[in-house]
N, C-alpha and C. Protein backbone atom coordinates (compact mmCIF):
# COMPACT_ATOMS: atom_id res chain seq x y z
N MET A 1 -87.11 -30.36 -71.56
CA MET A 1 -87.01 -31.12 -70.33
C MET A 1 -85.75 -31.95 -70.32
N LYS A 2 -85.43 -32.50 -71.45
CA LYS A 2 -84.23 -33.30 -71.58
C LYS A 2 -83.01 -32.42 -71.41
N LYS A 3 -83.08 -31.18 -71.93
CA LYS A 3 -81.94 -30.25 -71.81
C LYS A 3 -81.73 -29.86 -70.36
N LEU A 4 -82.85 -29.70 -69.63
CA LEU A 4 -82.75 -29.31 -68.22
C LEU A 4 -82.10 -30.41 -67.40
N ALA A 5 -82.43 -31.64 -67.70
CA ALA A 5 -81.85 -32.76 -66.97
C ALA A 5 -80.38 -32.87 -67.23
N VAL A 6 -79.97 -32.62 -68.51
CA VAL A 6 -78.54 -32.69 -68.84
C VAL A 6 -77.76 -31.60 -68.14
N LEU A 7 -78.38 -30.41 -68.08
CA LEU A 7 -77.73 -29.28 -67.42
C LEU A 7 -77.53 -29.56 -65.94
N CYS A 8 -78.51 -30.08 -65.27
CA CYS A 8 -78.40 -30.39 -63.83
C CYS A 8 -77.32 -31.44 -63.58
N LEU A 9 -77.28 -32.45 -64.48
CA LEU A 9 -76.28 -33.49 -64.34
C LEU A 9 -74.87 -32.93 -64.49
N ALA A 10 -74.70 -31.96 -65.41
CA ALA A 10 -73.38 -31.36 -65.61
C ALA A 10 -72.94 -30.55 -64.41
N VAL A 11 -73.92 -29.85 -63.80
CA VAL A 11 -73.60 -29.04 -62.61
C VAL A 11 -73.18 -29.93 -61.46
N ILE A 12 -73.87 -31.04 -61.28
CA ILE A 12 -73.56 -31.96 -60.18
C ILE A 12 -72.19 -32.56 -60.36
N LEU A 13 -71.86 -32.95 -61.58
CA LEU A 13 -70.56 -33.55 -61.84
C LEU A 13 -69.42 -32.57 -61.63
N SER A 14 -69.63 -31.34 -62.07
CA SER A 14 -68.58 -30.33 -61.89
C SER A 14 -68.36 -30.00 -60.42
N SER A 15 -69.40 -29.94 -59.61
CA SER A 15 -69.27 -29.65 -58.17
C SER A 15 -68.54 -30.76 -57.46
N THR A 16 -68.83 -32.00 -57.87
CA THR A 16 -68.17 -33.15 -57.24
C THR A 16 -66.69 -33.17 -57.55
N SER A 17 -66.34 -32.78 -58.79
CA SER A 17 -64.93 -32.76 -59.18
C SER A 17 -64.16 -31.69 -58.42
N CYS A 18 -64.79 -30.54 -58.28
CA CYS A 18 -64.11 -29.44 -57.55
C CYS A 18 -63.91 -29.79 -56.10
N PHE A 19 -64.92 -30.40 -55.48
CA PHE A 19 -64.78 -30.79 -54.07
C PHE A 19 -63.71 -31.84 -53.88
N ALA A 20 -63.71 -32.79 -54.82
CA ALA A 20 -62.70 -33.85 -54.73
C ALA A 20 -61.32 -33.31 -54.95
N TRP A 21 -61.15 -32.34 -55.86
CA TRP A 21 -59.81 -31.76 -56.10
C TRP A 21 -59.33 -30.98 -54.90
N GLY A 22 -60.26 -30.21 -54.29
CA GLY A 22 -59.87 -29.43 -53.09
C GLY A 22 -59.50 -30.32 -51.94
N TRP A 23 -60.21 -31.39 -51.72
CA TRP A 23 -59.89 -32.33 -50.65
C TRP A 23 -58.58 -33.04 -50.89
N ARG A 24 -58.34 -33.36 -52.16
CA ARG A 24 -57.09 -34.02 -52.52
C ARG A 24 -55.91 -33.09 -52.31
N ASN A 25 -56.11 -31.82 -52.71
CA ASN A 25 -55.04 -30.84 -52.54
C ASN A 25 -54.72 -30.62 -51.07
N LYS A 26 -55.73 -30.59 -50.21
CA LYS A 26 -55.53 -30.42 -48.78
C LYS A 26 -54.77 -31.58 -48.19
N ASP A 27 -55.14 -32.80 -48.63
CA ASP A 27 -54.42 -33.98 -48.12
C ASP A 27 -52.98 -33.99 -48.59
N THR A 28 -52.77 -33.47 -49.82
CA THR A 28 -51.41 -33.44 -50.35
C THR A 28 -50.52 -32.52 -49.52
N LYS A 29 -51.07 -31.31 -49.17
CA LYS A 29 -50.29 -30.36 -48.34
C LYS A 29 -50.01 -30.94 -46.98
N LYS A 30 -51.00 -31.63 -46.41
CA LYS A 30 -50.83 -32.21 -45.09
C LYS A 30 -49.77 -33.28 -45.10
N ASN A 31 -49.82 -34.11 -46.16
CA ASN A 31 -48.84 -35.18 -46.26
C ASN A 31 -47.44 -34.63 -46.49
N THR A 32 -47.38 -33.50 -47.26
CA THR A 32 -46.08 -32.89 -47.51
C THR A 32 -45.45 -32.36 -46.22
N SER A 33 -46.25 -31.67 -45.36
CA SER A 33 -45.74 -31.15 -44.10
C SER A 33 -45.34 -32.26 -43.16
N GLN A 34 -46.08 -33.36 -43.21
CA GLN A 34 -45.71 -34.50 -42.38
C GLN A 34 -44.42 -35.13 -42.87
N ALA A 35 -44.24 -35.09 -44.21
CA ALA A 35 -43.04 -35.69 -44.78
C ALA A 35 -41.78 -34.94 -44.38
N GLU A 36 -41.94 -33.60 -44.11
CA GLU A 36 -40.77 -32.81 -43.73
C GLU A 36 -40.23 -33.18 -42.36
N ILE A 37 -41.12 -33.66 -41.49
CA ILE A 37 -40.68 -34.03 -40.14
C ILE A 37 -40.75 -35.53 -39.92
N GLU A 38 -41.02 -36.24 -40.98
CA GLU A 38 -41.12 -37.69 -40.85
C GLU A 38 -39.73 -38.29 -40.64
N VAL A 39 -39.62 -39.21 -39.74
CA VAL A 39 -38.36 -39.87 -39.44
C VAL A 39 -37.97 -40.77 -40.59
N GLU A 40 -36.72 -40.71 -40.96
CA GLU A 40 -36.25 -41.57 -42.04
C GLU A 40 -36.25 -43.01 -41.60
N PRO A 41 -36.46 -43.90 -42.57
CA PRO A 41 -36.54 -45.34 -42.23
C PRO A 41 -35.26 -45.88 -41.63
N ASN A 42 -34.11 -45.32 -42.03
CA ASN A 42 -32.85 -45.87 -41.54
C ASN A 42 -32.50 -45.40 -40.13
N GLY A 43 -33.35 -44.54 -39.50
CA GLY A 43 -33.13 -44.11 -38.10
C GLY A 43 -32.11 -43.02 -37.93
N ASN A 44 -31.82 -42.19 -38.98
CA ASN A 44 -30.83 -41.15 -38.89
C ASN A 44 -31.40 -39.80 -38.49
N GLY A 45 -32.62 -39.77 -38.02
CA GLY A 45 -33.22 -38.50 -37.63
C GLY A 45 -34.43 -38.19 -38.47
N TYR A 46 -34.83 -36.91 -38.45
CA TYR A 46 -36.00 -36.55 -39.23
C TYR A 46 -35.56 -35.81 -40.48
N VAL A 47 -36.45 -35.84 -41.47
CA VAL A 47 -36.18 -35.22 -42.75
C VAL A 47 -36.50 -33.74 -42.66
N GLY A 48 -35.65 -32.89 -43.13
CA GLY A 48 -35.89 -31.45 -43.12
C GLY A 48 -34.65 -30.68 -42.72
N LYS A 49 -34.75 -29.35 -42.70
CA LYS A 49 -33.64 -28.47 -42.37
C LYS A 49 -33.60 -28.22 -40.87
N LEU A 50 -32.46 -28.50 -40.24
CA LEU A 50 -32.33 -28.32 -38.79
C LEU A 50 -32.23 -26.83 -38.44
N PRO A 51 -32.80 -26.43 -37.29
CA PRO A 51 -32.68 -25.02 -36.87
C PRO A 51 -31.26 -24.71 -36.39
N ASP A 52 -30.83 -23.46 -36.55
CA ASP A 52 -29.49 -23.02 -36.13
C ASP A 52 -29.54 -22.65 -34.65
N LEU A 53 -29.14 -23.59 -33.78
CA LEU A 53 -29.19 -23.38 -32.33
C LEU A 53 -28.05 -22.51 -31.81
N THR A 54 -26.97 -22.38 -32.56
CA THR A 54 -25.79 -21.63 -32.11
C THR A 54 -25.84 -20.16 -32.52
N LYS A 55 -26.92 -19.75 -33.15
CA LYS A 55 -27.00 -18.38 -33.64
C LYS A 55 -26.96 -17.36 -32.51
N GLY A 56 -27.64 -17.68 -31.41
CA GLY A 56 -27.69 -16.74 -30.28
C GLY A 56 -26.49 -16.81 -29.35
N PHE A 57 -25.56 -17.74 -29.60
CA PHE A 57 -24.41 -17.91 -28.71
C PHE A 57 -23.09 -17.55 -29.38
N LYS A 58 -23.13 -16.95 -30.52
CA LYS A 58 -21.90 -16.58 -31.21
C LYS A 58 -21.22 -15.43 -30.49
N THR A 59 -19.90 -15.54 -30.28
CA THR A 59 -19.13 -14.49 -29.61
C THR A 59 -18.78 -13.38 -30.60
N SER A 60 -18.77 -12.17 -30.06
CA SER A 60 -18.42 -11.04 -30.89
C SER A 60 -16.91 -10.94 -31.05
N GLU A 61 -16.47 -10.66 -32.21
CA GLU A 61 -15.05 -10.54 -32.49
C GLU A 61 -14.52 -9.21 -31.95
N PRO A 62 -13.36 -9.20 -31.24
CA PRO A 62 -12.82 -7.93 -30.73
C PRO A 62 -12.42 -6.99 -31.87
N GLN A 63 -12.71 -5.74 -31.64
CA GLN A 63 -12.37 -4.74 -32.64
C GLN A 63 -11.04 -4.08 -32.30
N ASN A 64 -10.33 -3.72 -33.31
CA ASN A 64 -9.04 -3.04 -33.12
C ASN A 64 -9.30 -1.60 -32.71
N THR A 65 -8.76 -1.22 -31.54
CA THR A 65 -8.93 0.14 -31.04
C THR A 65 -7.61 0.88 -31.08
N LYS A 66 -7.69 2.16 -31.14
CA LYS A 66 -6.50 3.00 -31.18
C LYS A 66 -5.90 3.11 -29.79
N PRO A 67 -4.60 2.91 -29.61
CA PRO A 67 -4.00 3.00 -28.27
C PRO A 67 -4.11 4.42 -27.72
N VAL A 68 -4.22 4.49 -26.35
CA VAL A 68 -4.37 5.79 -25.71
C VAL A 68 -3.04 6.52 -25.58
N PHE A 69 -1.93 5.83 -25.82
CA PHE A 69 -0.62 6.46 -25.73
C PHE A 69 -0.04 6.64 -27.12
N GLU A 70 0.87 7.53 -27.18
CA GLU A 70 1.52 7.81 -28.45
C GLU A 70 2.87 7.09 -28.49
N THR A 71 3.09 6.38 -29.58
CA THR A 71 4.36 5.68 -29.73
C THR A 71 5.45 6.65 -30.14
N THR A 72 6.63 6.33 -29.74
CA THR A 72 7.77 7.17 -30.10
C THR A 72 8.93 6.28 -30.50
N LYS A 73 9.67 6.69 -31.46
CA LYS A 73 10.80 5.91 -31.93
C LYS A 73 11.99 6.05 -30.99
N ASP A 74 12.18 7.24 -30.48
CA ASP A 74 13.32 7.49 -29.59
C ASP A 74 12.85 7.44 -28.14
N PHE A 75 12.56 6.22 -27.67
CA PHE A 75 12.01 6.09 -26.32
C PHE A 75 13.02 6.50 -25.25
N ASN A 76 14.27 6.18 -25.47
CA ASN A 76 15.31 6.48 -24.48
C ASN A 76 15.91 7.87 -24.64
N SER A 77 15.39 8.64 -25.54
CA SER A 77 15.91 9.99 -25.75
C SER A 77 15.37 10.92 -24.68
N SER A 78 16.24 11.74 -24.12
CA SER A 78 15.82 12.69 -23.09
C SER A 78 14.88 13.75 -23.63
N GLU A 79 14.93 13.99 -24.94
CA GLU A 79 14.04 14.98 -25.54
C GLU A 79 12.62 14.45 -25.69
N GLU A 80 12.46 13.13 -25.74
CA GLU A 80 11.14 12.54 -25.92
C GLU A 80 10.46 12.25 -24.59
N ILE A 81 11.22 12.07 -23.52
CA ILE A 81 10.64 11.73 -22.22
C ILE A 81 10.09 12.98 -21.56
N LYS A 82 8.85 12.88 -21.07
CA LYS A 82 8.24 14.01 -20.38
C LYS A 82 8.82 14.14 -18.97
N PRO A 83 9.03 15.36 -18.51
CA PRO A 83 9.60 15.55 -17.17
C PRO A 83 8.62 15.15 -16.07
N VAL A 84 9.16 14.78 -14.92
CA VAL A 84 8.34 14.40 -13.78
C VAL A 84 7.68 15.66 -13.21
N PRO A 85 6.37 15.63 -12.93
CA PRO A 85 5.70 16.82 -12.37
C PRO A 85 6.02 17.01 -10.90
N ARG A 86 7.23 17.42 -10.61
CA ARG A 86 7.65 17.57 -9.22
C ARG A 86 6.92 18.70 -8.51
N GLU A 87 6.40 19.67 -9.26
CA GLU A 87 5.72 20.79 -8.64
C GLU A 87 4.26 20.47 -8.32
N ASN A 88 3.79 19.31 -8.75
CA ASN A 88 2.40 18.94 -8.50
C ASN A 88 2.30 18.26 -7.14
N PRO A 89 1.61 18.88 -6.15
CA PRO A 89 1.54 18.27 -4.81
C PRO A 89 0.87 16.91 -4.82
N ALA A 90 -0.14 16.72 -5.69
CA ALA A 90 -0.82 15.43 -5.73
C ALA A 90 0.14 14.33 -6.15
N PHE A 91 0.99 14.60 -7.14
CA PHE A 91 1.96 13.61 -7.60
C PHE A 91 2.98 13.32 -6.50
N VAL A 92 3.46 14.35 -5.85
CA VAL A 92 4.48 14.17 -4.82
C VAL A 92 3.93 13.36 -3.65
N ASN A 93 2.69 13.63 -3.23
CA ASN A 93 2.11 12.92 -2.10
C ASN A 93 1.86 11.45 -2.42
N ILE A 94 1.48 11.16 -3.67
CA ILE A 94 1.18 9.78 -4.04
C ILE A 94 2.47 8.98 -4.23
N ILE A 95 3.43 9.55 -4.95
CA ILE A 95 4.65 8.82 -5.25
C ILE A 95 5.57 8.72 -4.04
N LEU A 96 5.80 9.83 -3.38
CA LEU A 96 6.74 9.83 -2.26
C LEU A 96 6.12 9.30 -0.99
N LYS A 97 4.77 9.36 -0.86
CA LYS A 97 4.07 8.86 0.32
C LYS A 97 4.69 9.43 1.60
N GLN A 98 4.34 10.63 1.87
CA GLN A 98 4.90 11.33 3.02
C GLN A 98 4.64 10.55 4.31
N ASP A 99 5.64 10.60 5.19
CA ASP A 99 5.57 9.87 6.45
C ASP A 99 4.46 10.45 7.32
N LYS A 100 3.59 9.56 7.85
CA LYS A 100 2.50 10.01 8.69
C LYS A 100 2.94 10.22 10.13
N ILE A 101 4.13 9.70 10.53
CA ILE A 101 4.62 9.89 11.89
C ILE A 101 5.12 11.32 12.05
N SER A 102 4.84 11.91 13.20
CA SER A 102 5.23 13.30 13.44
C SER A 102 6.75 13.43 13.50
N PRO A 103 7.28 14.59 13.14
CA PRO A 103 8.74 14.79 13.22
C PRO A 103 9.29 14.59 14.62
N TYR A 104 8.49 14.93 15.63
CA TYR A 104 8.97 14.77 17.00
C TYR A 104 9.22 13.30 17.34
N LEU A 105 8.29 12.43 16.93
CA LEU A 105 8.48 11.00 17.19
C LEU A 105 9.67 10.45 16.40
N ASN A 106 9.88 10.98 15.22
CA ASN A 106 11.06 10.56 14.45
C ASN A 106 12.35 10.94 15.16
N ASP A 107 12.36 12.15 15.74
CA ASP A 107 13.55 12.59 16.48
C ASP A 107 13.78 11.72 17.72
N ILE A 108 12.69 11.35 18.37
CA ILE A 108 12.82 10.50 19.56
C ILE A 108 13.39 9.13 19.19
N ASN A 109 12.90 8.59 18.08
CA ASN A 109 13.40 7.29 17.64
C ASN A 109 14.88 7.33 17.28
N GLU A 110 15.35 8.47 16.81
CA GLU A 110 16.77 8.61 16.51
C GLU A 110 17.60 8.79 17.77
N LEU A 111 16.98 9.28 18.83
CA LEU A 111 17.70 9.47 20.09
C LEU A 111 17.86 8.17 20.88
N LEU A 112 16.93 7.27 20.72
CA LEU A 112 16.96 6.03 21.50
C LEU A 112 18.28 5.26 21.34
N PRO A 113 18.79 5.07 20.13
CA PRO A 113 20.09 4.36 20.03
C PRO A 113 21.22 5.09 20.73
N GLN A 114 21.20 6.41 20.73
CA GLN A 114 22.25 7.16 21.43
C GLN A 114 22.21 6.89 22.94
N LEU A 115 20.99 6.89 23.49
CA LEU A 115 20.86 6.64 24.92
C LEU A 115 21.25 5.20 25.26
N GLU A 116 20.89 4.27 24.42
CA GLU A 116 21.25 2.87 24.67
C GLU A 116 22.76 2.67 24.60
N ASN A 117 23.42 3.34 23.67
CA ASN A 117 24.89 3.25 23.59
C ASN A 117 25.55 3.87 24.81
N LEU A 118 25.00 4.98 25.27
CA LEU A 118 25.55 5.64 26.46
C LEU A 118 25.35 4.76 27.69
N LEU A 119 24.20 4.08 27.75
CA LEU A 119 23.93 3.17 28.87
C LEU A 119 24.89 1.99 28.85
N THR A 120 25.13 1.44 27.69
CA THR A 120 26.07 0.32 27.56
C THR A 120 27.48 0.74 27.96
N CYS A 121 27.83 1.97 27.62
CA CYS A 121 29.16 2.49 27.96
C CYS A 121 29.35 2.54 29.48
N ILE A 122 28.30 2.93 30.22
CA ILE A 122 28.39 2.99 31.67
C ILE A 122 28.45 1.59 32.26
N GLU A 123 27.62 0.68 31.72
CA GLU A 123 27.58 -0.69 32.23
C GLU A 123 28.90 -1.42 31.99
N ASP A 124 29.55 -1.11 30.88
CA ASP A 124 30.84 -1.76 30.56
C ASP A 124 32.02 -1.07 31.24
N ASN A 125 31.73 -0.01 32.00
CA ASN A 125 32.80 0.74 32.69
C ASN A 125 33.88 1.19 31.71
N SER A 126 33.40 1.80 30.60
CA SER A 126 34.32 2.25 29.55
C SER A 126 35.16 3.42 30.06
N ASP A 127 36.23 3.70 29.37
CA ASP A 127 37.12 4.78 29.80
C ASP A 127 36.47 6.15 29.57
N VAL A 128 37.15 7.17 30.09
CA VAL A 128 36.61 8.53 30.04
C VAL A 128 36.47 9.01 28.60
N GLN A 129 37.43 8.70 27.77
CA GLN A 129 37.40 9.19 26.40
C GLN A 129 36.18 8.64 25.64
N LYS A 130 35.92 7.36 25.78
CA LYS A 130 34.78 6.77 25.08
C LYS A 130 33.46 7.30 25.63
N PHE A 131 33.37 7.43 26.96
CA PHE A 131 32.14 7.96 27.56
C PHE A 131 31.89 9.39 27.12
N ASN A 132 32.92 10.22 27.15
CA ASN A 132 32.74 11.62 26.79
C ASN A 132 32.39 11.78 25.30
N ALA A 133 32.87 10.89 24.46
CA ALA A 133 32.53 10.97 23.04
C ALA A 133 31.04 10.72 22.83
N LYS A 134 30.50 9.71 23.47
CA LYS A 134 29.08 9.42 23.34
C LYS A 134 28.23 10.49 24.01
N ALA A 135 28.71 11.00 25.15
CA ALA A 135 27.99 12.07 25.85
C ALA A 135 27.96 13.34 25.00
N TYR A 136 29.05 13.65 24.33
CA TYR A 136 29.11 14.84 23.48
C TYR A 136 28.13 14.72 22.31
N PHE A 137 28.06 13.56 21.72
CA PHE A 137 27.15 13.35 20.59
C PHE A 137 25.70 13.54 21.03
N PHE A 138 25.36 13.00 22.22
CA PHE A 138 23.99 13.12 22.73
C PHE A 138 23.64 14.57 23.08
N THR A 139 24.53 15.25 23.77
CA THR A 139 24.23 16.62 24.19
C THR A 139 24.14 17.57 22.99
N LYS A 140 24.95 17.35 21.96
CA LYS A 140 24.87 18.18 20.77
C LYS A 140 23.55 17.95 20.03
N THR A 141 23.09 16.71 20.02
CA THR A 141 21.79 16.42 19.40
C THR A 141 20.67 17.13 20.15
N MET A 142 20.75 17.15 21.47
CA MET A 142 19.73 17.82 22.27
C MET A 142 19.77 19.34 22.09
N GLU A 143 20.94 19.90 21.86
CA GLU A 143 21.02 21.33 21.57
C GLU A 143 20.28 21.66 20.27
N TYR A 144 20.44 20.80 19.29
CA TYR A 144 19.75 20.99 18.01
C TYR A 144 18.24 20.89 18.19
N LEU A 145 17.78 19.87 18.94
CA LEU A 145 16.35 19.69 19.14
C LEU A 145 15.75 20.81 19.99
N LYS A 146 16.53 21.33 20.93
CA LYS A 146 16.04 22.42 21.75
C LYS A 146 15.77 23.65 20.89
N ASN A 147 16.66 23.95 19.98
CA ASN A 147 16.45 25.08 19.07
C ASN A 147 15.32 24.79 18.07
N LYS A 148 15.19 23.54 17.67
CA LYS A 148 14.17 23.17 16.68
C LYS A 148 12.77 23.34 17.23
N TYR A 149 12.56 22.93 18.49
CA TYR A 149 11.22 22.96 19.08
C TYR A 149 11.02 24.13 20.03
N ASP A 150 11.88 25.09 19.95
CA ASP A 150 11.73 26.27 20.81
C ASP A 150 10.46 27.03 20.43
N GLY A 151 9.58 27.24 21.41
CA GLY A 151 8.31 27.93 21.17
C GLY A 151 7.21 27.06 20.60
N LEU A 152 7.48 25.78 20.36
CA LEU A 152 6.48 24.86 19.82
C LEU A 152 5.89 24.01 20.94
N PRO A 153 4.71 23.42 20.72
CA PRO A 153 4.07 22.60 21.78
C PRO A 153 4.94 21.44 22.23
N GLU A 154 5.78 20.89 21.32
CA GLU A 154 6.61 19.74 21.69
C GLU A 154 7.60 20.08 22.80
N SER A 155 7.96 21.35 22.92
CA SER A 155 8.95 21.74 23.93
C SER A 155 8.41 21.57 25.35
N SER A 156 7.09 21.49 25.50
CA SER A 156 6.49 21.32 26.83
C SER A 156 6.12 19.86 27.12
N TYR A 157 6.41 18.96 26.20
CA TYR A 157 6.12 17.55 26.45
C TYR A 157 6.97 17.03 27.60
N TYR A 158 6.39 16.10 28.35
CA TYR A 158 7.12 15.53 29.49
C TYR A 158 8.36 14.78 29.02
N SER A 159 8.25 14.06 27.92
CA SER A 159 9.39 13.32 27.39
C SER A 159 10.52 14.27 26.97
N PHE A 160 10.15 15.41 26.41
CA PHE A 160 11.17 16.37 25.98
C PHE A 160 11.84 17.01 27.18
N GLN A 161 11.08 17.31 28.24
CA GLN A 161 11.66 17.89 29.45
C GLN A 161 12.63 16.90 30.12
N LYS A 162 12.29 15.62 30.10
CA LYS A 162 13.18 14.61 30.66
C LYS A 162 14.47 14.52 29.85
N LEU A 163 14.38 14.66 28.55
CA LEU A 163 15.57 14.64 27.71
C LEU A 163 16.48 15.82 28.00
N LEU A 164 15.88 16.99 28.21
CA LEU A 164 16.69 18.17 28.53
C LEU A 164 17.42 18.00 29.86
N GLU A 165 16.73 17.46 30.86
CA GLU A 165 17.37 17.21 32.16
C GLU A 165 18.49 16.19 32.03
N LEU A 166 18.23 15.13 31.28
CA LEU A 166 19.25 14.11 31.09
C LEU A 166 20.46 14.66 30.35
N SER A 167 20.22 15.51 29.38
CA SER A 167 21.31 16.11 28.63
C SER A 167 22.18 16.99 29.54
N SER A 168 21.53 17.75 30.43
CA SER A 168 22.28 18.61 31.34
C SER A 168 23.14 17.79 32.31
N HIS A 169 22.58 16.71 32.86
CA HIS A 169 23.34 15.88 33.78
C HIS A 169 24.48 15.15 33.07
N THR A 170 24.23 14.72 31.86
CA THR A 170 25.27 14.02 31.09
C THR A 170 26.44 14.96 30.79
N ARG A 171 26.14 16.20 30.42
CA ARG A 171 27.19 17.17 30.13
C ARG A 171 28.01 17.46 31.40
N SER A 172 27.33 17.61 32.54
CA SER A 172 28.04 17.90 33.80
C SER A 172 28.95 16.75 34.22
N LEU A 173 28.47 15.51 34.08
CA LEU A 173 29.28 14.37 34.48
C LEU A 173 30.45 14.17 33.51
N ALA A 174 30.24 14.44 32.23
CA ALA A 174 31.34 14.33 31.27
C ALA A 174 32.43 15.34 31.58
N ALA A 175 32.03 16.56 31.94
CA ALA A 175 33.01 17.59 32.31
C ALA A 175 33.74 17.20 33.59
N LEU A 176 33.00 16.61 34.56
CA LEU A 176 33.61 16.19 35.82
C LEU A 176 34.65 15.10 35.60
N ARG A 177 34.35 14.14 34.75
CA ARG A 177 35.30 13.05 34.50
C ARG A 177 36.53 13.57 33.75
N ALA A 178 36.33 14.53 32.87
CA ALA A 178 37.48 15.09 32.14
C ALA A 178 38.39 15.86 33.09
N GLU A 179 37.80 16.63 34.01
CA GLU A 179 38.59 17.37 34.98
C GLU A 179 39.30 16.43 35.95
N ALA A 180 38.62 15.35 36.32
CA ALA A 180 39.23 14.38 37.25
C ALA A 180 40.47 13.75 36.63
N GLU A 181 40.40 13.45 35.35
CA GLU A 181 41.55 12.87 34.67
C GLU A 181 42.71 13.88 34.61
N LYS A 182 42.34 15.15 34.55
CA LYS A 182 43.37 16.19 34.40
C LYS A 182 44.01 16.59 35.73
N TYR A 183 43.15 16.73 36.79
CA TYR A 183 43.65 17.28 38.04
C TYR A 183 43.85 16.22 39.14
N ARG A 184 43.44 15.01 38.93
CA ARG A 184 43.54 14.00 39.98
C ARG A 184 44.97 13.80 40.47
N PRO A 185 45.96 13.79 39.65
CA PRO A 185 47.33 13.58 40.17
C PRO A 185 47.81 14.71 41.07
N TYR A 186 47.17 15.88 41.02
CA TYR A 186 47.69 17.03 41.76
C TYR A 186 46.83 17.39 42.96
N LEU A 187 45.69 16.72 43.15
CA LEU A 187 44.80 17.07 44.25
C LEU A 187 44.56 15.86 45.14
N ALA A 188 44.41 16.14 46.41
CA ALA A 188 44.08 15.07 47.36
C ALA A 188 42.58 14.79 47.27
N TYR A 189 42.17 13.67 47.82
CA TYR A 189 40.77 13.30 47.79
C TYR A 189 39.96 13.98 48.88
N THR A 190 40.56 14.97 49.55
CA THR A 190 39.85 15.75 50.55
C THR A 190 39.82 17.20 50.11
N GLY A 191 38.87 17.93 50.65
CA GLY A 191 38.77 19.34 50.30
C GLY A 191 38.31 19.52 48.87
N ALA A 192 39.06 20.30 48.08
CA ALA A 192 38.69 20.59 46.70
C ALA A 192 38.79 19.37 45.82
N GLY A 193 39.63 18.42 46.21
CA GLY A 193 39.79 17.23 45.38
C GLY A 193 38.76 16.15 45.64
N TYR A 194 37.81 16.43 46.56
CA TYR A 194 36.81 15.40 46.90
C TYR A 194 35.93 15.06 45.70
N LEU A 195 35.59 16.07 44.88
CA LEU A 195 34.70 15.82 43.73
C LEU A 195 35.33 14.91 42.70
N TYR A 196 36.66 14.86 42.67
CA TYR A 196 37.34 14.03 41.68
C TYR A 196 37.64 12.63 42.19
N ASN A 197 37.13 12.34 43.40
CA ASN A 197 37.32 11.01 43.95
C ASN A 197 36.63 9.98 43.05
N GLU A 198 37.29 8.87 42.85
CA GLU A 198 36.75 7.84 41.96
C GLU A 198 35.44 7.30 42.47
N ASN A 199 35.29 7.17 43.79
CA ASN A 199 34.04 6.68 44.34
C ASN A 199 32.88 7.64 44.08
N VAL A 200 33.18 8.92 44.16
CA VAL A 200 32.14 9.93 43.90
C VAL A 200 31.72 9.87 42.44
N ILE A 201 32.68 9.74 41.55
CA ILE A 201 32.36 9.69 40.11
C ILE A 201 31.56 8.43 39.79
N ASN A 202 31.92 7.31 40.38
CA ASN A 202 31.17 6.08 40.14
C ASN A 202 29.73 6.19 40.66
N GLU A 203 29.60 6.88 41.79
CA GLU A 203 28.25 7.10 42.33
C GLU A 203 27.42 7.95 41.38
N GLN A 204 28.02 8.98 40.80
CA GLN A 204 27.32 9.84 39.83
C GLN A 204 26.97 9.07 38.55
N LEU A 205 27.84 8.15 38.17
CA LEU A 205 27.55 7.33 36.99
C LEU A 205 26.34 6.43 37.23
N GLU A 206 26.20 5.91 38.44
CA GLU A 206 25.04 5.08 38.77
C GLU A 206 23.76 5.90 38.72
N TYR A 207 23.83 7.12 39.23
CA TYR A 207 22.65 8.00 39.15
C TYR A 207 22.28 8.27 37.69
N LEU A 208 23.29 8.53 36.89
CA LEU A 208 23.04 8.81 35.48
C LEU A 208 22.49 7.58 34.76
N LYS A 209 23.00 6.41 35.11
CA LYS A 209 22.51 5.17 34.51
C LYS A 209 21.02 4.98 34.78
N THR A 210 20.61 5.19 36.03
CA THR A 210 19.19 5.06 36.37
C THR A 210 18.34 6.08 35.62
N GLU A 211 18.86 7.28 35.50
CA GLU A 211 18.12 8.33 34.78
C GLU A 211 17.98 7.99 33.30
N ILE A 212 19.02 7.41 32.72
CA ILE A 212 18.95 7.02 31.30
C ILE A 212 17.92 5.91 31.11
N GLU A 213 17.90 4.93 32.00
CA GLU A 213 16.93 3.83 31.90
C GLU A 213 15.50 4.34 32.00
N ASP A 214 15.26 5.26 32.93
CA ASP A 214 13.91 5.82 33.07
C ASP A 214 13.50 6.62 31.83
N THR A 215 14.45 7.36 31.27
CA THR A 215 14.14 8.17 30.09
C THR A 215 13.85 7.29 28.88
N ILE A 216 14.57 6.18 28.74
CA ILE A 216 14.32 5.26 27.63
C ILE A 216 12.90 4.71 27.71
N VAL A 217 12.46 4.37 28.92
CA VAL A 217 11.08 3.87 29.10
C VAL A 217 10.07 4.93 28.69
N ILE A 218 10.31 6.18 29.09
CA ILE A 218 9.39 7.26 28.76
C ILE A 218 9.32 7.48 27.25
N LEU A 219 10.47 7.43 26.59
CA LEU A 219 10.49 7.65 25.14
C LEU A 219 9.77 6.52 24.39
N LYS A 220 9.93 5.29 24.85
CA LYS A 220 9.25 4.19 24.20
C LYS A 220 7.74 4.26 24.41
N GLU A 221 7.32 4.73 25.56
CA GLU A 221 5.89 4.90 25.80
C GLU A 221 5.32 6.02 24.94
N ALA A 222 6.14 7.03 24.65
CA ALA A 222 5.67 8.13 23.80
C ALA A 222 5.39 7.67 22.38
N ASN A 223 6.06 6.61 21.93
CA ASN A 223 5.83 6.07 20.59
C ASN A 223 4.55 5.26 20.51
């Protein structure tokens, strides 16, 4: 009986020790975790390792890539330079940028200064030589354009027909003024010499001036 009592007492004491050790160990772990985040007495923050907040914001370093072009030592050498692809229509259209204005409108724009010069010549009452020089230049240009647009739709344009009429009248008046200068001293102003009368020639110049002004308006409207 005495042995049984001693045995029971030993079991009770051992159970109490184990429970107390486990409780103490639990409190120790709890206090340790609290100590890791416990604020220091001097007010410098909390104790423990700070998390790395910049880890997700680090920039990636650029990598060295191989250039898409090949380097050459003799850059200015004609043997190293590749020829221009002149036969490639895509290259020619992009680089040269072909004019979108039609050739006919380009020709009209080149004619306008000629007509304006001829008009100024009449208004300034220039001599026969100067008038005939400008008239010759204009009529020769119209001969070229007539052959250029022969059989093409542009030849039936109203502006082109007006230019042909103006060219014909300009040529006739230039010939008349040249003949008047040549034959006027030998012919009277009556009969055959009437056409070389200065008043008649001035009247024809006024008609031509009006025709030139109307044609200039038509050409500008065509643009």
